[in-house]
Every structure is written in structure tokens, then in C-alpha cells.
Amino acid sequence: MEETISQEKLEELVNELSTKYFDKPFTDKVAFNNRLRTTGGRYIPSRRTIELNPKYLRELGEEEFIGIIKHELCHYHLHIEGKGYKHGDRDFRELLRKTGSPRFCQALPSAGKQAGHRYQCKDCGHVYERARRVDTKRYRCGRCRGKLVKITP
């Protein structure tokens, strides 16, 4: 699959996956949304639209992208059938398992980790990476309640 695909190919792919894994056609709208930042895709129930992040196709490839489409199709088909289509619903989790869809998508390599502060527990040695500074006098290790020490990178 190319780095980016046309709208027609995207609609074709989504309908093909819907038929293959759910035995039902996808009859509504699907589109790329370049503004999505922290997720691979989303389903909007009020518009019955699936929006997909094209960066996942470019950076992580076809296999991860197909997993995202299958995940969003789980939301879509359950919503149309009037069943629990949200992440916490049993129907949703069962359909994810049945279709082999991922529960979460991987982080984008381009997003990069923003951790600027590293702390280590004196007792158990667990390392914490944090974007914000932690007050080591006030906070302790979440595993063993040991004292945290700042590690210099």
C-alpha cells in the first residue's frame, strides 16, 4: 500500500474490511483527518463517520492502519445495531476479540517521548520518566513507597 491513498481507495478498503470481518457492508462516510494528534482514528456516532489519521499509514504501515480501521468498524457496527459501542462496554470488547482488532494503537514514532525528568526509587530501583518535575520531598515510589531520587540524563 502506498504512503497515502485516495479517498476512493480508502472507502474501498474500509468496505472490504467491513465485509471480510463483520459480514456487513460499510455504507457511511470515512475520511482522513490530518488534525488528529493522539489517536489513530475516531468514530463520530452523530454523523456516522469514521475519521482516520493518515500519519499511522505513513509511519507504522498497512498492518497497523488496518487494525485501526477494524477497531473503528467495531464502534460503527455496534452503534448501528444499538449495542454497547463504547470502550468500556462488554459488547465492544467481545467484538474486538472476535475480529482480532487492537484495543489501542501504537504511539507514533514522530510523536517522540517528551519525558524530560527521570527519577529512580532508592529501594526497588524502579525508574519513572516524567514530562513535569516531581517534588521528591512530597511524592514517593508508587510500588514500594520508597524515596525518589532525580537521575541526571
Protein backbone atom coordinates (compact mmCIF):
# COMPACT_ATOMS: atom_id res chain seq x y z
CA MET A 1 0.00 0.00 0.00
CA GLU A 2 1.25 3.49 -0.82
CA GLU A 3 2.14 6.10 1.77
CA THR A 4 -1.13 7.93 1.16
CA ILE A 5 -4.18 6.62 -0.61
CA SER A 6 -7.02 8.33 -2.45
CA GLN A 7 -10.48 8.80 -0.97
CA GLU A 8 -11.91 6.15 -3.31
CA LYS A 9 -9.26 3.57 -2.31
CA LEU A 10 -9.85 4.37 1.37
CA GLU A 11 -13.61 3.82 1.02
CA GLU A 12 -12.92 0.59 -0.90
CA LEU A 13 -10.52 -0.67 1.79
CA VAL A 14 -12.91 0.10 4.66
CA ASN A 15 -15.84 -1.58 2.88
CA GLU A 16 -13.67 -4.61 2.06
CA LEU A 17 -12.56 -4.96 5.71
CA SER A 18 -16.13 -4.48 6.91
CA THR A 19 -17.38 -7.26 4.65
CA LYS A 20 -14.48 -9.60 5.47
CA TYR A 21 -14.50 -9.26 9.29
CA PHE A 22 -18.10 -8.24 10.08
CA ASP A 23 -20.09 -9.74 7.17
CA LYS A 24 -21.79 -6.36 6.77
CA PRO A 25 -21.20 -3.50 4.32
CA PHE A 26 -19.92 -0.10 5.42
CA THR A 27 -22.44 2.36 4.00
CA ASP A 28 -21.47 5.64 5.62
CA LYS A 29 -18.58 8.12 5.41
CA VAL A 30 -14.88 7.58 6.02
CA ALA A 31 -12.20 10.26 5.68
CA PHE A 32 -8.65 11.15 6.59
CA ASN A 33 -8.27 13.78 9.30
CA ASN A 34 -4.79 15.33 9.47
CA ARG A 35 -5.68 17.19 12.67
CA LEU A 36 -5.86 14.01 14.80
CA ARG A 37 -2.84 14.02 17.08
CA THR A 38 -3.09 11.42 19.83
CA THR A 39 -5.20 8.74 18.17
CA GLY A 40 -5.21 6.61 15.04
CA GLY A 41 -8.86 7.19 14.33
CA ARG A 42 -12.27 8.01 15.72
CA TYR A 43 -15.90 7.18 15.11
CA ILE A 44 -18.41 10.03 15.35
CA PRO A 45 -21.83 8.49 16.14
CA SER A 46 -23.89 11.64 15.46
CA ARG A 47 -22.57 11.78 11.87
CA ARG A 48 -21.89 8.03 11.48
CA THR A 49 -18.43 8.96 10.21
CA ILE A 50 -15.06 7.32 10.69
CA GLU A 51 -12.05 9.63 10.67
CA LEU A 52 -8.56 8.14 10.29
CA ASN A 53 -5.12 9.59 10.99
CA PRO A 54 -3.01 9.30 7.78
CA LYS A 55 0.22 9.55 9.81
CA TYR A 56 -0.34 5.99 11.05
CA LEU A 57 -0.36 4.67 7.49
CA ARG A 58 2.81 6.62 6.60
CA GLU A 59 4.80 5.90 9.78
CA LEU A 60 3.63 2.49 11.02
CA GLY A 61 2.46 0.84 7.81
CA GLU A 62 -0.50 -1.03 6.43
CA GLU A 63 -0.89 -3.65 9.17
CA GLU A 64 -1.27 -1.10 12.00
CA PHE A 65 -3.58 1.04 9.83
CA ILE A 66 -5.85 -1.93 9.08
CA GLY A 67 -6.02 -2.65 12.82
CA ILE A 68 -7.19 0.93 13.44
CA ILE A 69 -9.86 0.61 10.74
CA LYS A 70 -11.11 -2.67 12.27
CA HIS A 71 -11.25 -1.01 15.72
CA GLU A 72 -13.34 1.89 14.36
CA LEU A 73 -15.58 -0.53 12.46
CA CYS A 74 -16.33 -2.26 15.79
CA HIS A 75 -17.61 1.09 17.13
CA TYR A 76 -19.59 1.67 13.92
CA HIS A 77 -21.37 -1.69 13.63
CA LEU A 78 -22.24 -1.91 17.33
CA HIS A 79 -23.65 1.63 17.27
CA ILE A 80 -25.85 0.84 14.27
CA GLU A 81 -27.11 -2.35 15.96
CA GLY A 82 -27.96 -0.41 19.13
CA LYS A 83 -25.45 -2.32 21.26
CA GLY A 84 -22.71 -1.03 23.57
CA TYR A 85 -20.18 0.61 21.24
CA LYS A 86 -18.03 2.46 23.80
CA HIS A 87 -14.60 1.28 25.01
CA GLY A 88 -15.86 0.07 28.40
CA ASP A 89 -18.83 -1.91 27.05
CA ARG A 90 -18.76 -5.70 27.10
CA ASP A 91 -20.20 -5.92 23.55
CA PHE A 92 -17.35 -3.77 22.26
CA ARG A 93 -14.60 -5.77 23.99
CA GLU A 94 -16.09 -9.06 22.75
CA LEU A 95 -16.28 -7.83 19.15
CA LEU A 96 -12.67 -6.59 19.32
CA ARG A 97 -11.60 -10.07 20.44
CA LYS A 98 -13.76 -11.84 17.83
CA THR A 99 -12.41 -9.75 14.91
CA GLY A 100 -8.80 -9.60 16.13
CA SER A 101 -8.89 -5.82 16.37
CA PRO A 102 -6.46 -3.96 18.64
CA ARG A 103 -7.80 -2.26 21.74
CA PHE A 104 -5.24 0.57 21.46
CA CYS A 105 -2.98 1.78 18.66
CA GLN A 106 0.79 2.16 18.97
CA ALA A 107 2.35 5.54 19.63
CA LEU A 108 3.64 7.36 16.57
CA PRO A 109 7.43 7.37 16.28
CA SER A 110 7.33 11.03 15.21
CA ALA A 111 5.46 12.00 18.40
CA GLY A 112 8.54 11.14 20.46
CA LYS A 113 8.62 10.87 24.19
CA GLN A 114 8.51 14.20 25.97
CA ALA A 115 9.90 12.98 29.27
CA GLY A 116 12.44 15.47 30.48
CA HIS A 117 12.78 14.27 34.07
CA ARG A 118 13.88 10.83 35.31
CA TYR A 119 13.52 9.59 38.87
CA GLN A 120 14.59 6.31 40.47
CA CYS A 121 13.37 4.66 43.64
CA LYS A 122 16.16 4.14 46.18
CA ASP A 123 14.55 0.93 47.48
CA CYS A 124 13.23 -1.05 44.49
CA GLY A 125 15.14 0.76 41.71
CA HIS A 126 12.08 1.43 39.52
CA VAL A 127 12.68 4.29 37.06
CA TYR A 128 9.99 6.90 36.39
CA GLU A 129 10.06 9.22 33.36
CA ARG A 130 8.02 12.38 33.67
CA ALA A 131 7.40 15.42 31.48
CA ARG A 132 7.00 17.59 34.58
CA ARG A 133 9.26 17.92 37.58
CA VAL A 134 8.27 15.89 40.67
CA ASP A 135 8.66 17.15 44.23
CA THR A 136 10.74 14.31 45.72
CA LYS A 137 10.07 15.51 49.28
CA ARG A 138 6.34 15.15 48.77
CA TYR A 139 6.00 12.12 46.45
CA ARG A 140 7.27 8.56 46.85
CA CYS A 141 7.52 5.40 44.75
CA GLY A 142 4.12 4.01 43.73
CA ARG A 143 5.34 0.44 44.02
CA CYS A 144 7.11 0.26 47.38
CA ARG A 145 6.68 3.76 48.92
CA GLY A 146 10.49 4.26 48.74
CA LYS A 147 12.24 7.60 48.37
CA LEU A 148 12.63 9.00 44.83
CA VAL A 149 15.94 10.44 43.60
CA LYS A 150 16.41 12.55 40.46
CA ILE A 151 18.61 10.86 37.84
CA THR A 152 20.65 13.11 35.56
CA PRO A 153 20.34 12.07 31.89
